[in-house]
Each structure stands twice: as C-alpha cells, then as structure tokens.
Amino acid sequence: MKVCPTCQRVYPDDAGFCAADGTALVHASMVPTQTATDDKRLGTRLGDRYELRRVVADGGMGRVYEGIDKFTNSRIAVKVLHDEVVKDEVSLERFKREYEISKSLPHDHIVDVLDFQHDATSGLWFLVMEFLDGEELRVLLKREKAIPPERVVRMLSQVAKGLDEAHKRHFVHRDLKPDNLFMCGTREGDLVKILDFGSVKDKNQNAKKLTVLGTTIGSPYYMAPEQAQGLDTLDGRADVFALGAIAYESLTGSVPFDGSNGPSILLAIMTKDPVPASERLQNAGRSSPMALDEVLEVALAKNPNIRTKTVGDLANALGHAYGLTGDHQAWALTPQAELASQIQIGLSRPVQRHSAPLAPLESAPDPFAAPAPAYGAPARQMDQAFEAIRQHEVGDDGLVAHGVPSRRPSWLVPVIVGVVAILVGGVATFFFAAGH
C-alpha cells in the first residue's frame, strides 16, 4: 500500500499521486503516522493486523479511522466504539448483529463489514469495513439541495438491488436515510453502498430480539407510520416508505414530512399528506412528469397494504414515470449521462395511458406474510377514504390506472359537496337552536 505523506490517505500500490492534494505517494512503511494529534491510537495495530493511519470521522457510536489490513494489504475503515457504547450490552449486540448480517449479505451495493472483535491489548471493541471513497447522500444534498432525476433513478435502482436481496432473507433495514447511503463516484456515475445494518429487524424465526415491543427505531423524517408506532408487524414495506421519502427529498430538496421536533414530524407522518412533488418542483422553476406525484403518493401511503410492495417496484415506477423503458436492474448499470439522454427522449413522447396490462390491486404480491398493523383513527380513516377513491377508478377491465392522473367519476364531486353541505347546515341549526 501507498500513503500520502501530507494527509495520510491510503492508496493501492498502482496509485501515483494523492487525489486530495496532489502529493506524490510513497510506500506506507516509509511514512510515519500523524504526530500532531492527541490521538494515541494512530500508528497502533488492533487485533495485531489493522494499522490505524488517519482519523476520518467522529460519530455518536465511535471514531472512524482509515487504515491498512496488514494481512491482506488493503485499505480499510475501522470504527472504534466509544467506552459508553461498549458498556451498553444492547448497543454492543447491535454492532455484532451488523457484522453477522452484513457478512451474510455480500452484495455490490451493501458495504462489506469485514470483522468485529475485541482487542485484548487495548481493551477496545472495533468494527472493520471496506474503505469507501466518496460522500454520504446527506452531504451531497446539503451542498446541492436537489439532484437530477437520472442520478436519483440510478441511485434508487442500486439501492433496490441491495435491499431486495436483504428483504428476500427477511431483513428489514429500519434506518434508511441519506446518512446511510454512500455515493462512490465513478466515470459512469455513482456507485451506491447501503450502510449501517445495526438497526435491522430480523423477521426470521428464532431471531434474537433487541427491541422492546413499542420501541421506535429510525430517523423521524423517513419513518413509516407502522414504524413510528413501534409495531412488531412492520416488514420490508417500511423500507419502501423510507426510500420513497429519500427520493422525494432528492428530487425536490425538501423532506415530505416536516416538523419542529421528533413528535411533530411523526404526527405529520401519521396524519398529513405531503405537498405534491410537482408543486415543489414548479415553485423551484423545474418541471416534472405527470406520473411522479402518484408514484410518490403510493410509495408514501400510510397503510402498507396500499403502499408500493417492494423497493424494486418503487425504482421501476420512478424510472417509468420519467419515460424510461426497462427496469431497475438495467438502470443500475446504465451510465448516468445515458440515463439523462433516455429521460429527455422518454419525456418528449406523448403520454400513453394503459400502455401495458396492470395487475389488479388485490393481486399484488406481499413480500412478507404479516398481519396488517393497527392504525390510529386519523390514519385509518384517510386510508379507507383513499381506498374508496381507488375503487372508483377501476375501469371496465378491472384494472387500476397507475402512473396517470386520478379521474374521479363526474357524479362523485357533487355528491360529496351535498353531503358536506347537509352536515354543516345541521351543525349550524343545532348551535342556533341551543343559543336561543
């Protein structure tokens, strides 16, 4: 391995200059570790094999270092857990679970977790992962506010490939957010890696439970209603909701549900509908395809039985909304520039309604055989009303028109207005009589 003598970044043997500062690289054995720091761990080895070369980041759970695996001569990231984390048996068990699950999910779009152990010499617990060059989606969004649709489609397609593999094995991530999607830059576009399976819910039988029933885990902005309630019945569709919220934010620059604190955000998720993405884009001077609002509306449905069934289905729906042909398996490998060209061509075509046969609503596959969760009255009533409207949209062929604007029967609006008028009139008469 080679190291930059200026910034201590580690590079493979065939690299010549540091990408960060342009300094000529030299062999790692010829570069002493940083000395102008109070971190005494730098230059030491953990587990007698992992050499710590540079501090990368500090987090709530531990400090992350860039290092070298002396056994394999490869770049690694080492997360050394804070003392207070180690003292918490549940937190320690979560890191162990992250290692075990990640080892069972080798995938191009899931970060490789290589080791988790206790160093007898220093007394430290540490997690070893592949080292990634790039940045978190959160950092990208803070800088760019929103990213173009071709980049979002490619990102969602890659995340869907990784998550669908996890869901097939009945693992629910439960903490999808921009902080846990890492964007590694390549010539073709982003190579996305899913991070942090420490909060995963294992739906397999006999899996050890680390969460007390009713406990809420996850980031409020991206949390599905059933997850916000701490229900034990949540499944992969909670990840669909989170990914739908990430797609909404990536395209519009705003989260779909907002609030001044955690409880107010969760209340909005449970009781409110997000501002249509097309409205936010229009206010920002950007256009959007007609089908985008419905794709995100179904992905963010409060009832998981109405929500998009899988993350792969969500990625497909988003790509089709932007006029792409094919599916997310192909888009994940398509260069970003080519996707941009295909989207431009696709959106220039006339909108084709019912261009392909659609499955009846009731026949959609369910990735997990779990009972429907119980909802609070507001969320349940909204879902019932939404379902009733969807039933009115079923055509003569018995199929629901997904991907096109909703068209309610012409007689439905005056009937609703009439019912509301009668109720308002009755309430007014009651209060008038009571006052006299």
Protein backbone atom coordinates (compact mmCIF):
# COMPACT_ATOMS: atom_id res chain seq x y z
CA MET A 1 0.00 0.00 0.00
CA LYS A 2 1.00 3.63 -0.60
CA VAL A 3 0.33 6.63 1.63
CA CYS A 4 0.24 10.37 1.09
CA PRO A 5 2.93 11.86 3.38
CA THR A 6 0.90 15.08 3.66
CA CYS A 7 -2.61 13.91 4.58
CA GLN A 8 -2.01 10.21 5.44
CA ARG A 9 -4.62 8.95 2.93
CA VAL A 10 -4.04 5.36 1.89
CA TYR A 11 -3.93 4.23 -1.78
CA PRO A 12 -3.31 0.99 -3.69
CA ASP A 13 0.17 0.19 -4.97
CA ASP A 14 -0.57 1.32 -8.55
CA ALA A 15 -1.53 4.90 -7.50
CA GLY A 16 0.98 7.70 -8.07
CA PHE A 17 -0.40 10.91 -6.57
CA CYS A 18 -2.84 11.85 -3.81
CA ALA A 19 -6.27 12.76 -5.18
CA ALA A 20 -6.79 15.26 -2.33
CA ASP A 21 -3.62 17.37 -2.50
CA GLY A 22 -1.57 16.08 -5.46
CA THR A 23 1.37 14.93 -3.33
CA ALA A 24 3.49 12.08 -4.70
CA LEU A 25 2.71 8.85 -2.86
CA VAL A 26 5.28 6.63 -1.15
CA HIS A 27 5.18 3.18 0.37
CA ALA A 28 3.30 3.03 3.68
CA SER A 29 6.31 1.71 5.55
CA MET A 30 8.20 4.92 4.72
CA VAL A 31 5.55 7.31 6.07
CA PRO A 32 5.29 7.74 9.83
CA THR A 33 1.79 8.24 11.20
CA GLN A 34 0.48 11.63 12.27
CA THR A 35 2.17 13.10 15.34
CA ALA A 36 0.45 16.49 15.63
CA THR A 37 -2.58 14.96 17.29
CA ASP A 38 -3.61 13.82 20.75
CA ASP A 39 -4.98 10.53 19.40
CA LYS A 40 -2.57 7.92 20.74
CA ARG A 41 -4.23 5.17 18.72
CA LEU A 42 -2.71 6.39 15.44
CA GLY A 43 0.10 4.12 14.33
CA THR A 44 -1.04 1.25 16.53
CA ARG A 45 -2.47 -2.06 15.41
CA LEU A 46 -5.74 -3.54 16.58
CA GLY A 47 -6.13 -7.29 16.60
CA ASP A 48 -2.44 -7.43 15.64
CA ARG A 49 -3.37 -6.73 11.98
CA TYR A 50 -5.31 -3.45 11.49
CA GLU A 51 -2.99 -0.43 11.43
CA LEU A 52 -4.70 2.93 12.12
CA ARG A 53 -3.34 5.69 9.85
CA ARG A 54 -5.78 8.64 9.85
CA VAL A 55 -8.89 9.89 11.66
CA VAL A 56 -11.78 10.05 9.21
CA ALA A 57 -14.80 10.97 11.31
CA ASP A 58 -16.30 11.07 14.78
CA GLY A 59 -19.80 9.79 15.46
CA GLY A 60 -22.12 9.13 18.34
CA MET A 61 -21.10 5.47 18.44
CA GLY A 62 -17.38 5.65 17.74
CA ARG A 63 -14.40 7.21 15.96
CA VAL A 64 -13.66 6.08 12.41
CA TYR A 65 -10.11 5.64 11.11
CA GLU A 66 -8.62 4.90 7.73
CA GLY A 67 -6.13 2.10 7.99
CA ILE A 68 -4.36 -0.83 6.40
CA ASP A 69 -5.12 -4.50 6.85
CA LYS A 70 -1.59 -5.88 7.15
CA PHE A 71 -2.79 -9.41 6.38
CA THR A 72 -4.42 -8.55 3.04
CA ASN A 73 -2.55 -5.30 2.25
CA SER A 74 -5.85 -3.48 1.64
CA ARG A 75 -7.46 -0.20 2.67
CA ILE A 76 -9.97 -0.43 5.49
CA ALA A 77 -12.16 1.73 7.69
CA VAL A 78 -12.06 0.93 11.41
CA LYS A 79 -14.79 2.15 13.75
CA VAL A 80 -13.56 2.09 17.35
CA LEU A 81 -16.53 2.13 19.72
CA HIS A 82 -16.81 4.74 22.46
CA ASP A 83 -16.49 3.46 26.04
CA GLU A 84 -20.10 4.32 26.91
CA VAL A 85 -21.32 2.34 23.91
CA VAL A 86 -19.34 -0.72 24.96
CA LYS A 87 -20.94 -0.58 28.41
CA ASP A 88 -24.40 -0.87 26.84
CA GLU A 89 -24.99 -4.56 26.13
CA VAL A 90 -27.75 -3.84 23.57
CA SER A 91 -25.57 -1.41 21.60
CA LEU A 92 -22.71 -3.88 21.59
CA GLU A 93 -25.05 -6.61 20.40
CA ARG A 94 -26.27 -4.35 17.58
CA PHE A 95 -22.72 -3.97 16.25
CA LYS A 96 -22.27 -7.71 16.44
CA ARG A 97 -25.53 -8.16 14.52
CA GLU A 98 -24.44 -5.61 11.90
CA TYR A 99 -21.30 -7.66 11.31
CA GLU A 100 -23.12 -11.00 11.17
CA ILE A 101 -25.89 -9.79 8.86
CA SER A 102 -23.53 -7.90 6.56
CA LYS A 103 -21.35 -11.00 6.29
CA SER A 104 -24.43 -12.95 5.20
CA LEU A 105 -25.36 -10.30 2.63
CA PRO A 106 -22.38 -9.95 0.29
CA HIS A 107 -23.61 -7.53 -2.36
CA ASP A 108 -22.19 -4.83 -4.62
CA HIS A 109 -24.50 -2.24 -3.05
CA ILE A 110 -24.13 -3.16 0.63
CA VAL A 111 -20.97 -2.12 2.46
CA ASP A 112 -18.67 -5.03 3.29
CA VAL A 113 -18.25 -5.45 7.05
CA LEU A 114 -15.09 -7.48 7.44
CA ASP A 115 -14.56 -8.01 11.15
CA PHE A 116 -15.86 -7.23 14.63
CA GLN A 117 -13.79 -8.06 17.65
CA HIS A 118 -12.31 -7.07 20.98
CA ASP A 119 -8.62 -6.10 21.14
CA ALA A 120 -7.19 -7.73 24.25
CA THR A 121 -4.21 -5.39 24.47
CA SER A 122 -6.06 -2.06 24.38
CA GLY A 123 -9.44 -3.29 25.59
CA LEU A 124 -11.14 -1.66 22.58
CA TRP A 125 -14.08 -3.03 20.61
CA PHE A 126 -13.92 -2.23 16.88
CA LEU A 127 -15.71 -2.86 13.60
CA VAL A 128 -13.75 -3.20 10.34
CA MET A 129 -15.30 -2.27 6.97
CA GLU A 130 -14.18 -1.75 3.41
CA PHE A 131 -12.94 1.80 2.87
CA LEU A 132 -15.18 3.86 0.59
CA ASP A 133 -14.14 6.93 -1.41
CA GLY A 134 -16.97 9.42 -1.81
CA GLU A 135 -19.58 11.04 0.40
CA GLU A 136 -22.88 10.36 2.08
CA LEU A 137 -26.05 11.37 0.26
CA ARG A 138 -26.73 13.73 3.18
CA VAL A 139 -23.54 15.69 2.42
CA LEU A 140 -24.44 15.80 -1.27
CA LEU A 141 -27.95 17.11 -0.57
CA LYS A 142 -26.66 19.76 1.82
CA ARG A 143 -24.44 21.06 -0.95
CA GLU A 144 -26.69 20.59 -3.99
CA LYS A 145 -30.15 20.79 -2.30
CA ALA A 146 -31.61 18.53 -5.02
CA ILE A 147 -30.13 16.20 -7.63
CA PRO A 148 -31.27 15.47 -11.21
CA PRO A 149 -33.72 12.64 -11.92
CA GLU A 150 -31.22 10.49 -13.80
CA ARG A 151 -28.99 10.45 -10.72
CA VAL A 152 -31.95 9.64 -8.47
CA VAL A 153 -33.13 6.81 -10.73
CA ARG A 154 -29.66 5.25 -10.85
CA MET A 155 -29.31 5.63 -7.06
CA LEU A 156 -32.70 4.08 -6.27
CA SER A 157 -32.07 1.25 -8.73
CA GLN A 158 -28.84 0.29 -6.99
CA VAL A 159 -30.33 0.62 -3.51
CA ALA A 160 -33.28 -1.52 -4.62
CA LYS A 161 -30.94 -4.28 -5.77
CA GLY A 162 -29.23 -4.37 -2.39
CA LEU A 163 -32.39 -4.05 -0.30
CA ASP A 164 -34.40 -6.57 -2.28
CA GLU A 165 -31.68 -9.09 -1.51
CA ALA A 166 -31.94 -8.26 2.19
CA HIS A 167 -35.74 -8.45 2.11
CA LYS A 168 -35.63 -11.85 0.44
CA ARG A 169 -33.80 -13.03 3.56
CA HIS A 170 -36.36 -11.26 5.76
CA PHE A 171 -34.04 -8.49 6.96
CA VAL A 172 -35.63 -5.03 7.29
CA HIS A 173 -33.09 -2.19 7.45
CA ARG A 174 -35.32 0.16 9.52
CA ASP A 175 -32.93 3.13 9.38
CA LEU A 176 -32.74 4.16 5.73
CA LYS A 177 -31.82 7.84 5.42
CA PRO A 178 -29.43 9.96 3.33
CA ASP A 179 -26.76 9.46 6.01
CA ASN A 180 -26.78 5.71 5.33
CA LEU A 181 -26.45 5.88 1.54
CA PHE A 182 -22.84 6.36 0.47
CA MET A 183 -22.14 7.72 -3.01
CA CYS A 184 -18.87 6.47 -4.50
CA GLY A 185 -18.03 8.43 -7.64
CA THR A 186 -17.12 6.61 -10.86
CA ARG A 187 -16.86 7.65 -14.51
CA GLU A 188 -20.31 6.16 -15.21
CA GLY A 189 -21.96 7.76 -12.18
CA ASP A 190 -22.49 6.94 -8.53
CA LEU A 191 -21.81 3.51 -7.11
CA VAL A 192 -24.15 3.45 -4.10
CA LYS A 193 -23.46 1.49 -0.92
CA ILE A 194 -26.03 0.94 1.84
CA LEU A 195 -24.54 1.48 5.30
CA ASP A 196 -25.45 0.56 8.87
CA PHE A 197 -27.44 -2.63 9.25
CA GLY A 198 -27.16 -2.26 13.02
CA SER A 199 -30.85 -1.39 13.42
CA VAL A 200 -32.02 -4.21 11.17
CA LYS A 201 -35.13 -6.17 12.08
CA ASP A 202 -34.65 -9.89 11.53
CA LYS A 203 -38.01 -11.40 10.55
CA ASN A 204 -36.64 -14.95 10.53
CA GLN A 205 -37.94 -17.38 13.11
CA ASN A 206 -35.91 -17.74 16.32
CA ALA A 207 -34.06 -14.46 15.64
CA LYS A 208 -32.98 -12.75 18.84
CA LYS A 209 -34.96 -9.57 19.52
CA LEU A 210 -33.07 -6.49 20.69
CA THR A 211 -36.02 -4.09 20.68
CA VAL A 212 -38.80 -3.99 23.25
CA LEU A 213 -42.29 -4.01 21.70
CA GLY A 214 -43.42 -0.41 21.18
CA THR A 215 -39.88 0.97 20.90
CA THR A 216 -39.35 3.32 17.94
CA ILE A 217 -36.14 2.95 15.92
CA GLY A 218 -35.17 5.03 12.91
CA SER A 219 -34.89 8.63 11.73
CA PRO A 220 -38.22 10.51 12.10
CA TYR A 221 -38.20 12.12 8.63
CA TYR A 222 -38.11 8.74 6.88
CA MET A 223 -40.11 6.59 9.28
CA ALA A 224 -43.19 4.69 8.09
CA PRO A 225 -46.37 5.07 10.21
CA GLU A 226 -46.22 1.47 11.42
CA GLN A 227 -42.59 2.00 12.42
CA ALA A 228 -43.45 5.25 14.22
CA GLN A 229 -45.89 3.25 16.36
CA GLY A 230 -43.24 0.66 17.22
CA LEU A 231 -45.37 -2.16 15.83
CA ASP A 232 -43.79 -5.60 15.69
CA THR A 233 -45.58 -6.34 12.39
CA LEU A 234 -43.50 -4.00 10.22
CA ASP A 235 -41.81 -5.55 7.20
CA GLY A 236 -39.92 -4.56 4.07
CA ARG A 237 -42.58 -2.04 3.11
CA ALA A 238 -41.28 0.21 5.91
CA ASP A 239 -38.06 0.45 3.89
CA VAL A 240 -40.17 1.27 0.80
CA PHE A 241 -41.65 4.24 2.67
CA ALA A 242 -38.19 5.44 3.73
CA LEU A 243 -36.81 5.13 0.22
CA GLY A 244 -39.86 6.99 -1.12
CA ALA A 245 -39.13 9.83 1.32
CA ILE A 246 -35.47 9.86 0.23
CA ALA A 247 -36.50 10.00 -3.45
CA TYR A 248 -38.90 12.87 -2.69
CA GLU A 249 -36.18 14.84 -0.89
CA SER A 250 -33.55 14.10 -3.53
CA LEU A 251 -35.79 15.40 -6.33
CA THR A 252 -37.37 18.40 -4.58
CA GLY A 253 -34.79 19.43 -1.99
CA SER A 254 -37.38 19.14 0.82
CA VAL A 255 -38.45 16.29 3.09
CA PRO A 256 -42.07 15.16 2.55
CA PHE A 257 -42.98 15.48 6.23
CA ASP A 258 -41.56 18.19 8.45
CA GLY A 259 -41.90 19.48 12.00
CA SER A 260 -40.10 21.39 14.73
CA ASN A 261 -39.19 18.23 16.67
CA GLY A 262 -39.41 14.46 16.55
CA PRO A 263 -43.00 14.09 17.84
CA SER A 264 -44.33 16.77 15.46
CA ILE A 265 -42.63 15.07 12.50
CA LEU A 266 -44.16 11.71 13.44
CA LEU A 267 -47.57 13.35 13.87
CA ALA A 268 -47.30 14.78 10.37
CA ILE A 269 -46.37 11.35 9.01
CA MET A 270 -49.37 9.80 10.74
CA THR A 271 -52.00 12.43 9.85
CA LYS A 272 -50.93 14.61 6.91
CA ASP A 273 -50.27 14.27 3.20
CA PRO A 274 -47.05 15.71 1.76
CA VAL A 275 -47.10 18.63 -0.65
CA PRO A 276 -47.10 17.08 -4.15
CA ALA A 277 -43.59 16.87 -5.52
CA SER A 278 -44.73 18.56 -8.75
CA GLU A 279 -45.82 21.62 -6.76
CA ARG A 280 -42.44 21.92 -5.02
CA LEU A 281 -40.62 21.48 -8.34
CA GLN A 282 -42.85 24.05 -10.05
CA ASN A 283 -42.16 26.56 -7.27
CA ALA A 284 -38.44 25.98 -7.88
CA GLY A 285 -38.87 26.60 -11.61
CA ARG A 286 -38.48 22.96 -12.60
CA SER A 287 -40.87 20.64 -14.40
CA SER A 288 -41.86 17.09 -13.54
CA PRO A 289 -43.68 14.24 -15.32
CA MET A 290 -47.40 13.82 -14.69
CA ALA A 291 -46.93 10.39 -13.11
CA LEU A 292 -44.37 11.45 -10.48
CA ASP A 293 -46.90 12.56 -7.87
CA GLU A 294 -48.78 9.27 -7.95
CA VAL A 295 -45.58 7.20 -7.77
CA LEU A 296 -44.50 9.02 -4.61
CA GLU A 297 -48.05 9.10 -3.19
CA VAL A 298 -48.31 5.31 -3.33
CA ALA A 299 -44.77 4.85 -2.01
CA LEU A 300 -45.65 7.09 0.99
CA ALA A 301 -49.07 5.55 1.65
CA LYS A 302 -49.81 5.34 5.35
CA ASN A 303 -51.27 1.86 5.01
CA PRO A 304 -48.58 -0.66 3.96
CA ASN A 305 -51.25 -2.74 2.20
CA ILE A 306 -51.76 0.16 -0.21
CA ARG A 307 -48.10 1.12 -0.41
CA THR A 308 -45.75 0.04 -3.22
CA LYS A 309 -44.89 -3.57 -2.40
CA THR A 310 -41.14 -3.69 -2.92
CA VAL A 311 -38.23 -1.28 -3.32
CA GLY A 312 -37.65 -2.76 -6.78
CA ASP A 313 -41.22 -1.85 -7.75
CA LEU A 314 -40.63 1.69 -6.48
CA ALA A 315 -37.44 2.08 -8.53
CA ASN A 316 -39.25 0.74 -11.60
CA ALA A 317 -42.20 3.08 -11.11
CA LEU A 318 -39.95 6.12 -10.73
CA GLY A 319 -37.97 5.29 -13.87
CA HIS A 320 -41.14 4.69 -15.89
CA ALA A 321 -42.57 7.99 -14.65
CA TYR A 322 -39.57 9.68 -16.27
CA GLY A 323 -40.15 7.87 -19.54
CA LEU A 324 -37.52 5.14 -19.21
CA THR A 325 -38.05 1.67 -20.63
CA GLY A 326 -36.79 -1.50 -18.99
CA ASP A 327 -36.33 -1.90 -15.24
CA HIS A 328 -34.10 -1.01 -12.31
CA GLN A 329 -31.82 -3.99 -12.88
CA ALA A 330 -30.67 -2.38 -16.14
CA TRP A 331 -30.75 1.24 -14.94
CA ALA A 332 -28.45 0.42 -12.01
CA LEU A 333 -25.72 -0.33 -14.56
CA THR A 334 -26.55 2.39 -17.10
CA PRO A 335 -24.18 5.39 -17.14
CA GLN A 336 -25.79 8.48 -15.68
CA ALA A 337 -25.28 10.52 -18.86
CA GLU A 338 -27.05 7.84 -20.89
CA LEU A 339 -29.96 7.81 -18.43
CA ALA A 340 -30.24 11.59 -18.77
CA SER A 341 -30.46 11.23 -22.56
CA GLN A 342 -33.06 8.46 -22.30
CA ILE A 343 -35.15 10.52 -19.88
CA GLN A 344 -35.09 13.50 -22.22
CA ILE A 345 -36.29 11.30 -25.08
CA GLY A 346 -38.83 9.48 -22.92
CA LEU A 347 -40.45 12.65 -21.60
CA SER A 348 -40.77 14.01 -25.15
CA ARG A 349 -43.03 11.12 -26.14
CA PRO A 350 -46.84 11.51 -25.88
CA VAL A 351 -48.23 10.08 -22.63
CA GLN A 352 -49.55 6.58 -23.23
CA ARG A 353 -52.37 5.57 -20.92
CA HIS A 354 -52.74 1.85 -20.15
CA SER A 355 -49.69 1.14 -22.30
CA ALA A 356 -49.25 -2.21 -20.55
CA PRO A 357 -51.61 -4.51 -18.67
CA LEU A 358 -51.59 -3.86 -14.93
CA ALA A 359 -52.25 -6.35 -12.17
CA PRO A 360 -55.45 -5.91 -10.12
CA LEU A 361 -54.83 -4.18 -6.82
CA GLU A 362 -55.75 -7.21 -4.77
CA SER A 363 -53.29 -9.49 -6.58
CA ALA A 364 -50.13 -7.52 -5.79
CA PRO A 365 -47.51 -9.80 -4.18
CA ASP A 366 -46.84 -9.40 -0.48
CA PRO A 367 -43.11 -9.86 0.36
CA PHE A 368 -43.88 -10.80 3.97
CA ALA A 369 -46.79 -12.75 5.38
CA ALA A 370 -47.52 -10.40 8.27
CA PRO A 371 -50.89 -9.18 9.54
CA ALA A 372 -51.88 -5.60 8.74
CA PRO A 373 -50.86 -3.27 11.58
CA ALA A 374 -53.41 -1.37 13.62
CA TYR A 375 -53.54 2.36 12.96
CA GLY A 376 -54.77 5.37 14.81
CA ALA A 377 -58.17 6.68 13.73
CA PRO A 378 -56.92 9.56 11.52
CA ALA A 379 -54.55 7.42 9.51
CA ARG A 380 -57.08 4.59 9.19
CA GLN A 381 -59.85 6.91 8.02
CA MET A 382 -57.61 8.54 5.44
CA ASP A 383 -56.53 5.16 4.08
CA GLN A 384 -60.15 3.98 3.89
CA ALA A 385 -61.11 7.11 2.00
CA PHE A 386 -58.12 6.71 -0.31
CA GLU A 387 -59.02 3.09 -0.96
CA ALA A 388 -62.63 4.04 -1.71
CA ILE A 389 -61.48 6.55 -4.31
CA ARG A 390 -59.16 3.96 -5.86
CA GLN A 391 -62.09 1.57 -6.16
CA HIS A 392 -63.99 4.20 -8.16
CA GLU A 393 -61.01 4.43 -10.52
CA VAL A 394 -61.24 0.77 -11.57
CA GLY A 395 -62.17 0.62 -15.27
CA ASP A 396 -64.19 -1.87 -17.27
CA ASP A 397 -61.19 -4.18 -17.46
CA GLY A 398 -60.96 -4.34 -13.67
CA LEU A 399 -57.53 -2.69 -13.62
CA VAL A 400 -56.36 0.37 -11.73
CA ALA A 401 -54.75 3.11 -13.84
CA HIS A 402 -51.38 3.59 -12.13
CA GLY A 403 -48.99 6.22 -13.43
CA VAL A 404 -51.69 8.59 -14.74
CA PRO A 405 -53.64 11.36 -13.00
CA SER A 406 -56.62 10.15 -10.96
CA ARG A 407 -60.03 10.65 -12.59
CA ARG A 408 -62.96 10.50 -10.22
CA PRO A 409 -66.49 9.85 -11.58
CA SER A 410 -68.27 13.08 -12.56
CA TRP A 411 -71.12 12.38 -10.15
CA LEU A 412 -68.83 11.92 -7.12
CA VAL A 413 -67.91 15.58 -6.54
CA PRO A 414 -71.48 16.98 -6.31
CA VAL A 415 -72.49 14.10 -4.04
CA ILE A 416 -69.60 14.83 -1.64
CA VAL A 417 -70.36 18.56 -1.71
CA GLY A 418 -74.02 17.87 -0.98
CA VAL A 419 -73.22 15.62 1.97
CA VAL A 420 -70.83 18.18 3.44
CA ALA A 421 -73.42 20.95 3.00
CA ILE A 422 -76.08 18.92 4.83
CA LEU A 423 -73.69 18.19 7.72
CA VAL A 424 -72.63 21.84 8.03
CA GLY A 425 -76.25 23.01 7.87
CA GLY A 426 -77.29 20.55 10.57
CA VAL A 427 -74.47 21.61 12.90
CA ALA A 428 -75.29 25.31 12.37
CA THR A 429 -79.00 24.72 13.11
CA PHE A 430 -78.14 22.85 16.29
CA PHE A 431 -75.96 25.63 17.64
CA PHE A 432 -78.51 28.30 16.63
CA ALA A 433 -81.28 26.47 18.49
CA ALA A 434 -79.04 25.90 21.51
CA GLY A 435 -78.21 29.61 21.67
CA HIS A 436 -81.88 30.62 21.73
